[in-house]
Amino acid sequence: MTLGEHITQLRKQKKLSQNDLGKKVGTSGDIIGRYERDEVKPSIEVASKIADVLNVSLDFLVGKVAVEVDSELLKRIIDIQQMNTEDKDHILYTLDALIKSVKFKAIA
């Protein structure tokens, strides 16, 4: 999927018009349309603003990753990453056990 196709899909999911997205990003709806048609590529700054408005990562917007990490989940991951090693290990151990339990329930 192209950058323009991603922008279009995500914009429609958020029920935003091209003009709405343009206003939130600081550009026009016409320019958003040109991005969506892949006629021009946004600067990294504009692409970052688009990703923020659409509540996705820049990597997801440009198609570098196929799975989007929810921003709330990402905040939690960052919090865990900043903890000391012992606390981080305890949290990850517990999280691994919970994930295994959910997966086991799904196949049972």
PDB file of N, CA and C in Angstrom:
ATOM      1  N   MET A   1       0.843  -1.170   0.000  1.00  0.00           N
ATOM      2  CA  MET A   1       0.000   0.000   0.000  1.00  0.00           C
ATOM      3  C   MET A   1       0.894   1.240   0.000  1.00  0.00           C
ATOM      4  N   THR A   2       0.540   2.229  -0.791  1.00  0.00           N
ATOM      5  CA  THR A   2       1.350   3.446  -0.884  1.00  0.00           C
ATOM      6  C   THR A   2       1.054   4.377   0.286  1.00  0.00           C
ATOM      7  N   LEU A   3       1.899   5.377   0.441  1.00  0.00           N
ATOM      8  CA  LEU A   3       1.679   6.394   1.464  1.00  0.00           C
ATOM      9  C   LEU A   3       0.317   7.049   1.265  1.00  0.00           C
ATOM     10  N   GLY A   4       0.010   7.412   0.036  1.00  0.00           N
ATOM     11  CA  GLY A   4      -1.266   8.053  -0.251  1.00  0.00           C
ATOM     12  C   GLY A   4      -2.452   7.169   0.102  1.00  0.00           C
ATOM     13  N   GLU A   5      -2.340   5.888  -0.201  1.00  0.00           N
ATOM     14  CA  GLU A   5      -3.423   4.953   0.132  1.00  0.00           C
ATOM     15  C   GLU A   5      -3.590   4.817   1.644  1.00  0.00           C
ATOM     16  N   HIS A   6      -2.466   4.819   2.363  1.00  0.00           N
ATOM     17  CA  HIS A   6      -2.544   4.766   3.824  1.00  0.00           C
ATOM     18  C   HIS A   6      -3.236   6.007   4.367  1.00  0.00           C
ATOM     19  N   ILE A   7      -2.836   7.161   3.869  1.00  0.00           N
ATOM     20  CA  ILE A   7      -3.447   8.404   4.343  1.00  0.00           C
ATOM     21  C   ILE A   7      -4.951   8.374   4.087  1.00  0.00           C
ATOM     22  N   THR A   8      -5.337   7.985   2.877  1.00  0.00           N
ATOM     23  CA  THR A   8      -6.761   7.934   2.521  1.00  0.00           C
ATOM     24  C   THR A   8      -7.520   6.989   3.448  1.00  0.00           C
ATOM     25  N   GLN A   9      -7.010   5.793   3.614  1.00  0.00           N
ATOM     26  CA  GLN A   9      -7.682   4.789   4.431  1.00  0.00           C
ATOM     27  C   GLN A   9      -7.833   5.257   5.881  1.00  0.00           C
ATOM     28  N   LEU A  10      -6.756   5.762   6.446  1.00  0.00           N
ATOM     29  CA  LEU A  10      -6.787   6.196   7.838  1.00  0.00           C
ATOM     30  C   LEU A  10      -7.666   7.424   8.025  1.00  0.00           C
ATOM     31  N   ARG A  11      -7.614   8.338   7.071  1.00  0.00           N
ATOM     32  CA  ARG A  11      -8.444   9.547   7.145  1.00  0.00           C
ATOM     33  C   ARG A  11      -9.917   9.160   7.139  1.00  0.00           C
ATOM     34  N   LYS A  12     -10.286   8.234   6.267  1.00  0.00           N
ATOM     35  CA  LYS A  12     -11.685   7.801   6.182  1.00  0.00           C
ATOM     36  C   LYS A  12     -12.109   7.060   7.446  1.00  0.00           C
ATOM     37  N   GLN A  13     -11.206   6.270   8.021  1.00  0.00           N
ATOM     38  CA  GLN A  13     -11.523   5.574   9.274  1.00  0.00           C
ATOM     39  C   GLN A  13     -11.821   6.567  10.392  1.00  0.00           C
ATOM     40  N   LYS A  14     -11.118   7.697  10.356  1.00  0.00           N
ATOM     41  CA  LYS A  14     -11.320   8.743  11.370  1.00  0.00           C
ATOM     42  C   LYS A  14     -12.479   9.670  11.009  1.00  0.00           C
ATOM     43  N   LYS A  15     -13.108   9.393   9.861  1.00  0.00           N
ATOM     44  CA  LYS A  15     -14.236  10.183   9.367  1.00  0.00           C
ATOM     45  C   LYS A  15     -13.868  11.664   9.218  1.00  0.00           C
ATOM     46  N   LEU A  16     -12.693  11.883   8.646  1.00  0.00           N
ATOM     47  CA  LEU A  16     -12.222  13.240   8.373  1.00  0.00           C
ATOM     48  C   LEU A  16     -12.272  13.490   6.873  1.00  0.00           C
ATOM     49  N   SER A  17     -12.642  14.703   6.489  1.00  0.00           N
ATOM     50  CA  SER A  17     -12.536  15.089   5.087  1.00  0.00           C
ATOM     51  C   SER A  17     -11.092  15.485   4.815  1.00  0.00           C
ATOM     52  N   GLN A  18     -10.761  15.625   3.540  1.00  0.00           N
ATOM     53  CA  GLN A  18      -9.418  16.099   3.202  1.00  0.00           C
ATOM     54  C   GLN A  18      -9.203  17.493   3.790  1.00  0.00           C
ATOM     55  N   ASN A  19     -10.237  18.329   3.739  1.00  0.00           N
ATOM     56  CA  ASN A  19     -10.120  19.678   4.311  1.00  0.00           C
ATOM     57  C   ASN A  19      -9.896  19.628   5.816  1.00  0.00           C
ATOM     58  N   ASP A  20     -10.629  18.754   6.515  1.00  0.00           N
ATOM     59  CA  ASP A  20     -10.448  18.618   7.967  1.00  0.00           C
ATOM     60  C   ASP A  20      -9.020  18.221   8.306  1.00  0.00           C
ATOM     61  N   LEU A  21      -8.518  17.203   7.597  1.00  0.00           N
ATOM     62  CA  LEU A  21      -7.150  16.755   7.846  1.00  0.00           C
ATOM     63  C   LEU A  21      -6.162  17.869   7.522  1.00  0.00           C
ATOM     64  N   GLY A  22      -6.396  18.550   6.410  1.00  0.00           N
ATOM     65  CA  GLY A  22      -5.513  19.650   6.029  1.00  0.00           C
ATOM     66  C   GLY A  22      -5.442  20.722   7.098  1.00  0.00           C
ATOM     67  N   LYS A  23      -6.588  21.102   7.655  1.00  0.00           N
ATOM     68  CA  LYS A  23      -6.614  22.130   8.703  1.00  0.00           C
ATOM     69  C   LYS A  23      -5.844  21.680   9.934  1.00  0.00           C
ATOM     70  N   LYS A  24      -6.036  20.425  10.316  1.00  0.00           N
ATOM     71  CA  LYS A  24      -5.366  19.910  11.514  1.00  0.00           C
ATOM     72  C   LYS A  24      -3.849  19.813  11.320  1.00  0.00           C
ATOM     73  N   VAL A  25      -3.436  19.615  10.070  1.00  0.00           N
ATOM     74  CA  VAL A  25      -2.020  19.467   9.756  1.00  0.00           C
ATOM     75  C   VAL A  25      -1.374  20.817   9.453  1.00  0.00           C
ATOM     76  N   GLY A  26      -2.195  21.799   9.093  1.00  0.00           N
ATOM     77  CA  GLY A  26      -1.661  23.119   8.754  1.00  0.00           C
ATOM     78  C   GLY A  26      -1.433  23.289   7.269  1.00  0.00           C
ATOM     79  N   THR A  27      -2.225  22.588   6.464  1.00  0.00           N
ATOM     80  CA  THR A  27      -2.143  22.719   5.015  1.00  0.00           C
ATOM     81  C   THR A  27      -3.561  22.717   4.467  1.00  0.00           C
ATOM     82  N   SER A  28      -3.704  22.595   3.170  1.00  0.00           N
ATOM     83  CA  SER A  28      -5.040  22.619   2.566  1.00  0.00           C
ATOM     84  C   SER A  28      -5.527  21.216   2.227  1.00  0.00           C
ATOM     85  N   GLY A  29      -6.831  21.114   2.041  1.00  0.00           N
ATOM     86  CA  GLY A  29      -7.414  19.853   1.614  1.00  0.00           C
ATOM     87  C   GLY A  29      -6.924  19.453   0.239  1.00  0.00           C
ATOM     88  N   ASP A  30      -6.649  20.447  -0.628  1.00  0.00           N
ATOM     89  CA  ASP A  30      -6.130  20.155  -1.964  1.00  0.00           C
ATOM     90  C   ASP A  30      -4.773  19.464  -1.889  1.00  0.00           C
ATOM     91  N   ILE A  31      -3.941  19.923  -0.981  1.00  0.00           N
ATOM     92  CA  ILE A  31      -2.619  19.306  -0.817  1.00  0.00           C
ATOM     93  C   ILE A  31      -2.770  17.885  -0.276  1.00  0.00           C
ATOM     94  N   ILE A  32      -3.678  17.695   0.674  1.00  0.00           N
ATOM     95  CA  ILE A  32      -3.936  16.345   1.195  1.00  0.00           C
ATOM     96  C   ILE A  32      -4.367  15.436   0.047  1.00  0.00           C
ATOM     97  N   GLY A  33      -5.216  15.940  -0.832  1.00  0.00           N
ATOM     98  CA  GLY A  33      -5.649  15.163  -1.996  1.00  0.00           C
ATOM     99  C   GLY A  33      -4.476  14.769  -2.881  1.00  0.00           C
ATOM    100  N   ARG A  34      -3.545  15.678  -3.058  1.00  0.00           N
ATOM    101  CA  ARG A  34      -2.360  15.366  -3.876  1.00  0.00           C
ATOM    102  C   ARG A  34      -1.501  14.299  -3.195  1.00  0.00           C
ATOM    103  N   TYR A  35      -1.403  14.359  -1.858  1.00  0.00           N
ATOM    104  CA  TYR A  35      -0.680  13.310  -1.131  1.00  0.00           C
ATOM    105  C   TYR A  35      -1.383  11.970  -1.320  1.00  0.00           C
ATOM    106  N   GLU A  36      -2.707  11.999  -1.198  1.00  0.00           N
ATOM    107  CA  GLU A  36      -3.474  10.753  -1.295  1.00  0.00           C
ATOM    108  C   GLU A  36      -3.402  10.134  -2.688  1.00  0.00           C
ATOM    109  N   ARG A  37      -3.274  10.960  -3.703  1.00  0.00           N
ATOM    110  CA  ARG A  37      -3.146  10.457  -5.076  1.00  0.00           C
ATOM    111  C   ARG A  37      -1.700  10.139  -5.441  1.00  0.00           C
ATOM    112  N   ASP A  38      -0.808  10.298  -4.463  1.00  0.00           N
ATOM    113  CA  ASP A  38       0.623  10.055  -4.647  1.00  0.00           C
ATOM    114  C   ASP A  38       1.230  10.924  -5.739  1.00  0.00           C
ATOM    115  N   GLU A  39       0.659  12.120  -5.921  1.00  0.00           N
ATOM    116  CA  GLU A  39       1.222  13.063  -6.886  1.00  0.00           C
ATOM    117  C   GLU A  39       2.461  13.743  -6.319  1.00  0.00           C
ATOM    118  N   VAL A  40       2.437  13.980  -5.025  1.00  0.00           N
ATOM    119  CA  VAL A  40       3.587  14.561  -4.317  1.00  0.00           C
ATOM    120  C   VAL A  40       3.723  13.852  -2.974  1.00  0.00           C
ATOM    121  N   LYS A  41       4.902  13.919  -2.416  1.00  0.00           N
ATOM    122  CA  LYS A  41       5.164  13.332  -1.104  1.00  0.00           C
ATOM    123  C   LYS A  41       5.294  14.457  -0.085  1.00  0.00           C
ATOM    124  N   PRO A  42       4.696  14.281   1.095  1.00  0.00           N
ATOM    125  CA  PRO A  42       4.849  15.318   2.125  1.00  0.00           C
ATOM    126  C   PRO A  42       6.266  15.325   2.686  1.00  0.00           C
ATOM    127  N   SER A  43       6.663  16.472   3.200  1.00  0.00           N
ATOM    128  CA  SER A  43       7.947  16.538   3.906  1.00  0.00           C
ATOM    129  C   SER A  43       7.839  15.647   5.143  1.00  0.00           C
ATOM    130  N   ILE A  44       8.960  15.332   5.740  1.00  0.00           N
ATOM    131  CA  ILE A  44       8.957  14.497   6.940  1.00  0.00           C
ATOM    132  C   ILE A  44       8.178  15.182   8.061  1.00  0.00           C
ATOM    133  N   GLU A  45       8.273  16.503   8.138  1.00  0.00           N
ATOM    134  CA  GLU A  45       7.550  17.245   9.172  1.00  0.00           C
ATOM    135  C   GLU A  45       6.045  17.131   8.972  1.00  0.00           C
ATOM    136  N   VAL A  46       5.594  17.280   7.728  1.00  0.00           N
ATOM    137  CA  VAL A  46       4.165  17.190   7.430  1.00  0.00           C
ATOM    138  C   VAL A  46       3.687  15.754   7.607  1.00  0.00           C
ATOM    139  N   ALA A  47       4.461  14.787   7.159  1.00  0.00           N
ATOM    140  CA  ALA A  47       4.083  13.379   7.335  1.00  0.00           C
ATOM    141  C   ALA A  47       3.955  13.048   8.823  1.00  0.00           C
ATOM    142  N   SER A  48       4.850  13.586   9.632  1.00  0.00           N
ATOM    143  CA  SER A  48       4.786  13.364  11.074  1.00  0.00           C
ATOM    144  C   SER A  48       3.516  13.974  11.659  1.00  0.00           C
ATOM    145  N   LYS A  49       3.142  15.164  11.204  1.00  0.00           N
ATOM    146  CA  LYS A  49       1.905  15.805  11.671  1.00  0.00           C
ATOM    147  C   LYS A  49       0.690  14.989  11.243  1.00  0.00           C
ATOM    148  N   ILE A  50       0.700  14.479  10.018  1.00  0.00           N
ATOM    149  CA  ILE A  50      -0.401  13.647   9.537  1.00  0.00           C
ATOM    150  C   ILE A  50      -0.525  12.401  10.407  1.00  0.00           C
ATOM    151  N   ALA A  51       0.604  11.762  10.691  1.00  0.00           N
ATOM    152  CA  ALA A  51       0.596  10.563  11.542  1.00  0.00           C
ATOM    153  C   ALA A  51       0.027  10.892  12.919  1.00  0.00           C
ATOM    154  N   ASP A  52       0.421  12.030  13.477  1.00  0.00           N
ATOM    155  CA  ASP A  52      -0.086  12.429  14.795  1.00  0.00           C
ATOM    156  C   ASP A  52      -1.597  12.632  14.763  1.00  0.00           C
ATOM    157  N   VAL A  53      -2.078  13.342  13.753  1.00  0.00           N
ATOM    158  CA  VAL A  53      -3.522  13.596  13.647  1.00  0.00           C
ATOM    159  C   VAL A  53      -4.288  12.296  13.464  1.00  0.00           C
ATOM    160  N   LEU A  54      -3.731  11.380  12.692  1.00  0.00           N
ATOM    161  CA  LEU A  54      -4.395  10.100  12.434  1.00  0.00           C
ATOM    162  C   LEU A  54      -4.138   9.072  13.536  1.00  0.00           C
ATOM    163  N   ASN A  55      -3.343   9.484  14.536  1.00  0.00           N
ATOM    164  CA  ASN A  55      -3.041   8.662  15.711  1.00  0.00           C
ATOM    165  C   ASN A  55      -2.359   7.342  15.345  1.00  0.00           C
ATOM    166  N   VAL A  56      -1.380   7.427  14.443  1.00  0.00           N
ATOM    167  CA  VAL A  56      -0.572   6.274  14.064  1.00  0.00           C
ATOM    168  C   VAL A  56       0.893   6.682  14.099  1.00  0.00           C
ATOM    169  N   SER A  57       1.776   5.703  14.069  1.00  0.00           N
ATOM    170  CA  SER A  57       3.201   6.021  14.013  1.00  0.00           C
ATOM    171  C   SER A  57       3.574   6.407  12.581  1.00  0.00           C
ATOM    172  N   LEU A  58       4.641   7.123  12.451  1.00  0.00           N
ATOM    173  CA  LEU A  58       5.144   7.483  11.128  1.00  0.00           C
ATOM    174  C   LEU A  58       5.547   6.226  10.354  1.00  0.00           C
ATOM    175  N   ASP A  59       6.138   5.252  11.040  1.00  0.00           N
ATOM    176  CA  ASP A  59       6.505   3.986  10.393  1.00  0.00           C
ATOM    177  C   ASP A  59       5.288   3.297   9.788  1.00  0.00           C
ATOM    178  N   PHE A  60       4.174   3.284  10.517  1.00  0.00           N
ATOM    179  CA  PHE A  60       2.959   2.656   9.997  1.00  0.00           C
ATOM    180  C   PHE A  60       2.409   3.455   8.814  1.00  0.00           C
ATOM    181  N   LEU A  61       2.413   4.767   8.929  1.00  0.00           N
ATOM    182  CA  LEU A  61       1.872   5.617   7.864  1.00  0.00           C
ATOM    183  C   LEU A  61       2.604   5.395   6.546  1.00  0.00           C
ATOM    184  N   VAL A  62       3.920   5.268   6.601  1.00  0.00           N
ATOM    185  CA  VAL A  62       4.691   5.108   5.361  1.00  0.00           C
ATOM    186  C   VAL A  62       4.815   3.653   4.927  1.00  0.00           C
ATOM    187  N   GLY A  63       4.232   2.729   5.698  1.00  0.00           N
ATOM    188  CA  GLY A  63       4.228   1.329   5.301  1.00  0.00           C
ATOM    189  C   GLY A  63       5.460   0.552   5.710  1.00  0.00           C
ATOM    190  N   LYS A  64       6.245   1.110   6.611  1.00  0.00           N
ATOM    191  CA  LYS A  64       7.457   0.414   7.056  1.00  0.00           C
ATOM    192  C   LYS A  64       7.122  -0.753   7.977  1.00  0.00           C
ATOM    193  N   VAL A  65       6.047  -0.622   8.751  1.00  0.00           N
ATOM    194  CA  VAL A  65       5.562  -1.715   9.594  1.00  0.00           C
ATOM    195  C   VAL A  65       4.106  -1.988   9.241  1.00  0.00           C
ATOM    196  N   ALA A  66       3.713  -3.250   9.361  1.00  0.00           N
ATOM    197  CA  ALA A  66       2.360  -3.638   8.957  1.00  0.00           C
ATOM    198  C   ALA A  66       1.358  -3.595  10.106  1.00  0.00           C
ATOM    199  N   VAL A  67       1.862  -3.570  11.334  1.00  0.00           N
ATOM    200  CA  VAL A  67       0.980  -3.574  12.494  1.00  0.00           C
ATOM    201  C   VAL A  67       1.185  -2.277  13.248  1.00  0.00           C
ATOM    202  N   GLU A  68       0.093  -1.609  13.521  1.00  0.00           N
ATOM    203  CA  GLU A  68       0.175  -0.360  14.264  1.00  0.00           C
ATOM    204  C   GLU A  68       0.072  -0.637  15.752  1.00  0.00           C
ATOM    205  N   VAL A  69       0.961  -0.038  16.524  1.00  0.00           N
ATOM    206  CA  VAL A  69       0.913  -0.154  17.973  1.00  0.00           C
ATOM    207  C   VAL A  69       0.081   1.012  18.488  1.00  0.00           C
ATOM    208  N   ASP A  70      -0.958   0.686  19.195  1.00  0.00           N
ATOM    209  CA  ASP A  70      -1.844   1.673  19.800  1.00  0.00           C
ATOM    210  C   ASP A  70      -1.023   2.623  20.671  1.00  0.00           C
ATOM    211  N   SER A  71      -1.333   3.902  20.622  1.00  0.00           N
ATOM    212  CA  SER A  71      -0.517   4.892  21.325  1.00  0.00           C
ATOM    213  C   SER A  71      -0.511   4.676  22.838  1.00  0.00           C
ATOM    214  N   GLU A  72      -1.614   4.201  23.406  1.00  0.00           N
ATOM    215  CA  GLU A  72      -1.644   3.923  24.844  1.00  0.00           C
ATOM    216  C   GLU A  72      -0.727   2.750  25.191  1.00  0.00           C
ATOM    217  N   LEU A  73      -0.722   1.733  24.340  1.00  0.00           N
ATOM    218  CA  LEU A  73       0.170   0.595  24.551  1.00  0.00           C
ATOM    219  C   LEU A  73       1.627   1.037  24.425  1.00  0.00           C
ATOM    220  N   LEU A  74       1.900   1.879  23.456  1.00  0.00           N
ATOM    221  CA  LEU A  74       3.257   2.381  23.269  1.00  0.00           C
ATOM    222  C   LEU A  74       3.728   3.172  24.487  1.00  0.00           C
ATOM    223  N   LYS A  75       2.856   3.975  25.078  1.00  0.00           N
ATOM    224  CA  LYS A  75       3.215   4.723  26.288  1.00  0.00           C
ATOM    225  C   LYS A  75       3.586   3.765  27.418  1.00  0.00           C
ATOM    226  N   ARG A  76       2.829   2.677  27.529  1.00  0.00           N
ATOM    227  CA  ARG A  76       3.130   1.693  28.578  1.00  0.00           C
ATOM    228  C   ARG A  76       4.470   1.022  28.327  1.00  0.00           C
ATOM    229  N   ILE A  77       4.737   0.704  27.073  1.00  0.00           N
ATOM    230  CA  ILE A  77       6.012   0.072  26.726  1.00  0.00           C
ATOM    231  C   ILE A  77       7.171   1.005  27.068  1.00  0.00           C
ATOM    232  N   ILE A  78       7.006   2.277  26.759  1.00  0.00           N
ATOM    233  CA  ILE A  78       8.051   3.258  27.077  1.00  0.00           C
ATOM    234  C   ILE A  78       8.258   3.345  28.587  1.00  0.00           C
ATOM    235  N   ASP A  79       7.152   3.332  29.352  1.00  0.00           N
ATOM    236  CA  ASP A  79       7.268   3.357  30.815  1.00  0.00           C
ATOM    237  C   ASP A  79       8.059   2.150  31.309  1.00  0.00           C
ATOM    238  N   ILE A  80       7.754   0.980  30.780  1.00  0.00           N
ATOM    239  CA  ILE A  80       8.464  -0.239  31.186  1.00  0.00           C
ATOM    240  C   ILE A  80       9.940  -0.135  30.806  1.00  0.00           C
ATOM    241  N   GLN A  81      10.217   0.353  29.609  1.00  0.00           N
ATOM    242  CA  GLN A  81      11.595   0.474  29.126  1.00  0.00           C
ATOM    243  C   GLN A  81      12.442   1.358  30.044  1.00  0.00           C
ATOM    244  N   GLN A  82      11.817   2.333  30.676  1.00  0.00           N
ATOM    245  CA  GLN A  82      12.551   3.284  31.515  1.00  0.00           C
ATOM    246  C   GLN A  82      12.755   2.789  32.951  1.00  0.00           C
ATOM    247  N   MET A  83      12.189   1.650  33.273  1.00  0.00           N
ATOM    248  CA  MET A  83      12.327   1.103  34.631  1.00  0.00           C
ATOM    249  C   MET A  83      13.678   0.432  34.822  1.00  0.00           C
ATOM    250  N   ASN A  84      14.012   0.214  36.096  1.00  0.00           N
ATOM    251  CA  ASN A  84      15.252  -0.511  36.361  1.00  0.00           C
ATOM    252  C   ASN A  84      15.074  -1.962  35.912  1.00  0.00           C
ATOM    253  N   THR A  85      16.170  -2.647  35.727  1.00  0.00           N
ATOM    254  CA  THR A  85      16.168  -3.991  35.145  1.00  0.00           C
ATOM    255  C   THR A  85      15.320  -4.967  35.943  1.00  0.00           C
ATOM    256  N   GLU A  86      15.410  -4.924  37.254  1.00  0.00           N
ATOM    257  CA  GLU A  86      14.660  -5.874  38.086  1.00  0.00           C
ATOM    258  C   GLU A  86      13.148  -5.681  37.926  1.00  0.00           C
ATOM    259  N   ASP A  87      12.692  -4.439  38.013  1.00  0.00           N
ATOM    260  CA  ASP A  87      11.259  -4.166  37.855  1.00  0.00           C
ATOM    261  C   ASP A  87      10.785  -4.531  36.452  1.00  0.00           C
ATOM    262  N   LYS A  88      11.587  -4.193  35.459  1.00  0.00           N
ATOM    263  CA  LYS A  88      11.242  -4.519  34.077  1.00  0.00           C
ATOM    264  C   LYS A  88      11.111  -6.032  33.892  1.00  0.00           C
ATOM    265  N   ASP A  89      12.056  -6.786  34.444  1.00  0.00           N
ATOM    266  CA  ASP A  89      12.014  -8.243  34.330  1.00  0.00           C
ATOM    267  C   ASP A  89      10.754  -8.827  34.978  1.00  0.00           C
ATOM    268  N   HIS A  90      10.369  -8.295  36.151  1.00  0.00           N
ATOM    269  CA  HIS A  90       9.157  -8.771  36.826  1.00  0.00           C
ATOM    270  C   HIS A  90       7.908  -8.495  35.991  1.00  0.00           C
ATOM    271  N   ILE A  91       7.818  -7.308  35.448  1.00  0.00           N
ATOM    272  CA  ILE A  91       6.654  -6.950  34.631  1.00  0.00           C
ATOM    273  C   ILE A  91       6.599  -7.802  33.371  1.00  0.00           C
ATOM    274  N   LEU A  92       7.725  -7.983  32.716  1.00  0.00           N
ATOM    275  CA  LEU A  92       7.738  -8.778  31.482  1.00  0.00           C
ATOM    276  C   LEU A  92       7.444 -10.247  31.762  1.00  0.00           C
ATOM    277  N   TYR A  93       7.923 -10.766  32.880  1.00  0.00           N
ATOM    278  CA  TYR A  93       7.624 -12.148  33.266  1.00  0.00           C
ATOM    279  C   TYR A  93       6.114 -12.325  33.449  1.00  0.00           C
ATOM    280  N   THR A  94       5.495 -11.377  34.163  1.00  0.00           N
ATOM    281  CA  THR A  94       4.049 -11.434  34.394  1.00  0.00           C
ATOM    282  C   THR A  94       3.283 -11.273  33.090  1.00  0.00           C
ATOM    283  N   LEU A  95       3.723 -10.359  32.266  1.00  0.00           N
ATOM    284  CA  LEU A  95       3.071 -10.135  30.971  1.00  0.00           C
ATOM    285  C   LEU A  95       3.169 -11.378  30.087  1.00  0.00           C
ATOM    286  N   ASP A  96       4.333 -12.004  30.057  1.00  0.00           N
ATOM    287  CA  ASP A  96       4.508 -13.240  29.274  1.00  0.00           C
ATOM    288  C   ASP A  96       3.542 -14.330  29.750  1.00  0.00           C
ATOM    289  N   ALA A  97       3.386 -14.450  31.073  1.00  0.00           N
ATOM    290  CA  ALA A  97       2.478 -15.465  31.615  1.00  0.00           C
ATOM    291  C   ALA A  97       1.033 -15.168  31.212  1.00  0.00           C
ATOM    292  N   LEU A  98       0.642 -13.913  31.257  1.00  0.00           N
ATOM    293  CA  LEU A  98      -0.723 -13.546  30.858  1.00  0.00           C
ATOM    294  C   LEU A  98      -0.956 -13.781  29.374  1.00  0.00           C
ATOM    295  N   ILE A  99       0.026 -13.476  28.559  1.00  0.00           N
ATOM    296  CA  ILE A  99      -0.102 -13.691  27.110  1.00  0.00           C
ATOM    297  C   ILE A  99      -0.249 -15.188  26.819  1.00  0.00           C
ATOM    298  N   LYS A 100       0.576 -16.015  27.469  1.00  0.00           N
ATOM    299  CA  LYS A 100       0.474 -17.459  27.284  1.00  0.00           C
ATOM    300  C   LYS A 100      -0.898 -17.972  27.684  1.00  0.00           C
ATOM    301  N   SER A 101      -1.433 -17.458  28.778  1.00  0.00           N
ATOM    302  CA  SER A 101      -2.741 -17.876  29.249  1.00  0.00           C
ATOM    303  C   SER A 101      -3.836 -17.534  28.246  1.00  0.00           C
ATOM    304  N   VAL A 102      -3.779 -16.335  27.698  1.00  0.00           N
ATOM    305  CA  VAL A 102      -4.773 -15.914  26.697  1.00  0.00           C
ATOM    306  C   VAL A 102      -4.655 -16.760  25.441  1.00  0.00           C
ATOM    307  N   LYS A 103      -3.438 -17.025  24.992  1.00  0.00           N
ATOM    308  CA  LYS A 103      -3.246 -17.857  23.809  1.00  0.00           C
ATOM    309  C   LYS A 103      -3.740 -19.279  24.040  1.00  0.00           C
ATOM    310  N   PHE A 104      -3.496 -19.799  25.232  1.00  0.00           N
ATOM    311  CA  PHE A 104      -3.938 -21.150  25.555  1.00  0.00           C
ATOM    312  C   PHE A 104      -5.471 -21.223  25.532  1.00  0.00           C
ATOM    313  N   LYS A 105      -6.130 -20.204  26.087  1.00  0.00           N
ATOM    314  CA  LYS A 105      -7.589 -20.168  26.083  1.00  0.00           C
ATOM    315  C   LYS A 105      -8.126 -20.129  24.649  1.00  0.00           C
ATOM    316  N   ALA A 106      -7.422 -19.444  23.789  1.00  0.00           N
ATOM    317  CA  ALA A 106      -7.871 -19.300  22.389  1.00  0.00           C
ATOM    318  C   ALA A 106      -7.828 -20.634  21.636  1.00  0.00           C
ATOM    319  N   ILE A 107      -6.882 -21.502  21.978  1.00  0.00           N
ATOM    320  CA  ILE A 107      -6.779 -22.768  21.249  1.00  0.00           C
ATOM    321  C   ILE A 107      -7.545 -23.890  21.953  1.00  0.00           C
ATOM    322  N   ALA A 108      -7.915 -23.674  23.193  1.00  0.00           N
ATOM    323  CA  ALA A 108      -8.631 -24.717  23.965  1.00  0.00           C
ATOM    324  C   ALA A 108     -10.110 -24.721  23.664  1.00  0.00           C
TER     325      ALA A 108
END
